Amino acid sequence: MSQSPKAPGEPHNPTLNPGDQGRPGTPGVGENLCGDCKGTGRIGNRPCPTCGGTGIVLEEIGGA
């Protein structure tokens, strides 16, 4: 199977972590510090399972 070409600047299939609410670059989605590890990327001596060890989650912003 061939894949369709990606638009310039389009991320190439980024990995989402369990705490992410949307894909990078999606309108209405922004980065925030992970609430479980407080942005450190670690809980104890292990990578945080919510953010995948990045310390950042992608969350919906705004609201009505």
C-alpha atoms as a PDB file:
ATOM      1  CA  MET A   1       0.000   0.000   0.000  1.00  0.00           C
ATOM      2  CA  SER A   2       1.273   3.448  -0.777  1.00  0.00           C
ATOM      3  CA  GLN A   3       0.731   6.343   1.556  1.00  0.00           C
ATOM      4  CA  SER A   4      -0.420   9.728   0.346  1.00  0.00           C
ATOM      5  CA  PRO A   5       2.260  12.439   0.427  1.00  0.00           C
ATOM      6  CA  LYS A   6       2.249  14.742   3.420  1.00  0.00           C
ATOM      7  CA  ALA A   7       1.744  18.466   3.179  1.00  0.00           C
ATOM      8  CA  PRO A   8       4.800  20.629   3.959  1.00  0.00           C
ATOM      9  CA  GLY A   9       5.085  21.169   7.703  1.00  0.00           C
ATOM     10  CA  GLU A  10       2.654  18.365   8.514  1.00  0.00           C
ATOM     11  CA  PRO A  11       3.931  16.174  11.379  1.00  0.00           C
ATOM     12  CA  HIS A  12       4.702  12.625  10.320  1.00  0.00           C
ATOM     13  CA  ASN A  13       2.475  10.503  12.499  1.00  0.00           C
ATOM     14  CA  PRO A  14       3.431  11.753  15.971  1.00  0.00           C
ATOM     15  CA  THR A  15       2.971   9.371  18.854  1.00  0.00           C
ATOM     16  CA  LEU A  16       0.195  10.336  21.219  1.00  0.00           C
ATOM     17  CA  ASN A  17       0.485   9.594  24.917  1.00  0.00           C
ATOM     18  CA  PRO A  18      -2.420   8.503  27.132  1.00  0.00           C
ATOM     19  CA  GLY A  19      -2.786  12.023  28.572  1.00  0.00           C
ATOM     20  CA  ASP A  20      -3.027  13.713  25.154  1.00  0.00           C
ATOM     21  CA  GLN A  21      -6.432  14.988  24.062  1.00  0.00           C
ATOM     22  CA  GLY A  22      -5.479  15.767  20.455  1.00  0.00           C
ATOM     23  CA  ARG A  23      -2.725  15.748  17.831  1.00  0.00           C
ATOM     24  CA  PRO A  24      -0.035  18.454  17.644  1.00  0.00           C
ATOM     25  CA  GLY A  25      -1.024  21.291  15.352  1.00  0.00           C
ATOM     26  CA  THR A  26      -4.749  20.669  15.712  1.00  0.00           C
ATOM     27  CA  PRO A  27      -6.661  23.942  16.179  1.00  0.00           C
ATOM     28  CA  GLY A  28      -7.831  24.237  19.781  1.00  0.00           C
ATOM     29  CA  VAL A  29      -5.105  21.933  21.174  1.00  0.00           C
ATOM     30  CA  GLY A  30      -2.074  23.202  23.099  1.00  0.00           C
ATOM     31  CA  GLU A  31       0.743  21.988  25.315  1.00  0.00           C
ATOM     32  CA  ASN A  32       0.401  21.945  29.088  1.00  0.00           C
ATOM     33  CA  LEU A  33       2.453  20.500  31.917  1.00  0.00           C
ATOM     34  CA  CYS A  34       1.451  16.985  32.865  1.00  0.00           C
ATOM     35  CA  GLY A  35      -0.543  17.091  36.078  1.00  0.00           C
ATOM     36  CA  ASP A  36       0.545  13.625  37.185  1.00  0.00           C
ATOM     37  CA  CYS A  37       4.314  14.231  37.150  1.00  0.00           C
ATOM     38  CA  LYS A  38       4.115  18.049  37.472  1.00  0.00           C
ATOM     39  CA  GLY A  39       6.133  18.456  34.263  1.00  0.00           C
ATOM     40  CA  THR A  40       9.139  16.391  35.345  1.00  0.00           C
ATOM     41  CA  GLY A  41       8.377  13.455  33.058  1.00  0.00           C
ATOM     42  CA  ARG A  42       8.992  11.026  35.910  1.00  0.00           C
ATOM     43  CA  ILE A  43       7.056   9.494  38.772  1.00  0.00           C
ATOM     44  CA  GLY A  44       9.552   8.119  41.219  1.00  0.00           C
ATOM     45  CA  ASN A  45      12.324   6.529  39.174  1.00  0.00           C
ATOM     46  CA  ARG A  46      10.108   5.634  36.185  1.00  0.00           C
ATOM     47  CA  PRO A  47       8.854   7.588  33.159  1.00  0.00           C
ATOM     48  CA  CYS A  48       5.392   9.033  33.696  1.00  0.00           C
ATOM     49  CA  PRO A  49       2.821   6.837  31.926  1.00  0.00           C
ATOM     50  CA  THR A  50       0.463   9.771  31.309  1.00  0.00           C
ATOM     51  CA  CYS A  51       2.868  11.956  29.294  1.00  0.00           C
ATOM     52  CA  GLY A  52       5.245   9.231  28.140  1.00  0.00           C
ATOM     53  CA  GLY A  53       8.118  10.830  30.049  1.00  0.00           C
ATOM     54  CA  THR A  54       7.937  14.191  28.235  1.00  0.00           C
ATOM     55  CA  GLY A  55       6.412  16.189  31.092  1.00  0.00           C
ATOM     56  CA  ILE A  56       3.964  17.688  28.572  1.00  0.00           C
ATOM     57  CA  VAL A  57       0.434  16.710  27.527  1.00  0.00           C
ATOM     58  CA  LEU A  58      -1.653  18.073  24.659  1.00  0.00           C
ATOM     59  CA  GLU A  59      -4.948  19.458  25.931  1.00  0.00           C
ATOM     60  CA  GLU A  60      -7.993  21.130  24.474  1.00  0.00           C
ATOM     61  CA  ILE A  61      -7.910  24.859  25.089  1.00  0.00           C
ATOM     62  CA  GLY A  62     -10.662  27.414  25.286  1.00  0.00           C
ATOM     63  CA  GLY A  63     -14.185  26.397  25.988  1.00  0.00           C
ATOM     64  CA  ALA A  64     -17.626  27.772  26.176  1.00  0.00           C
END
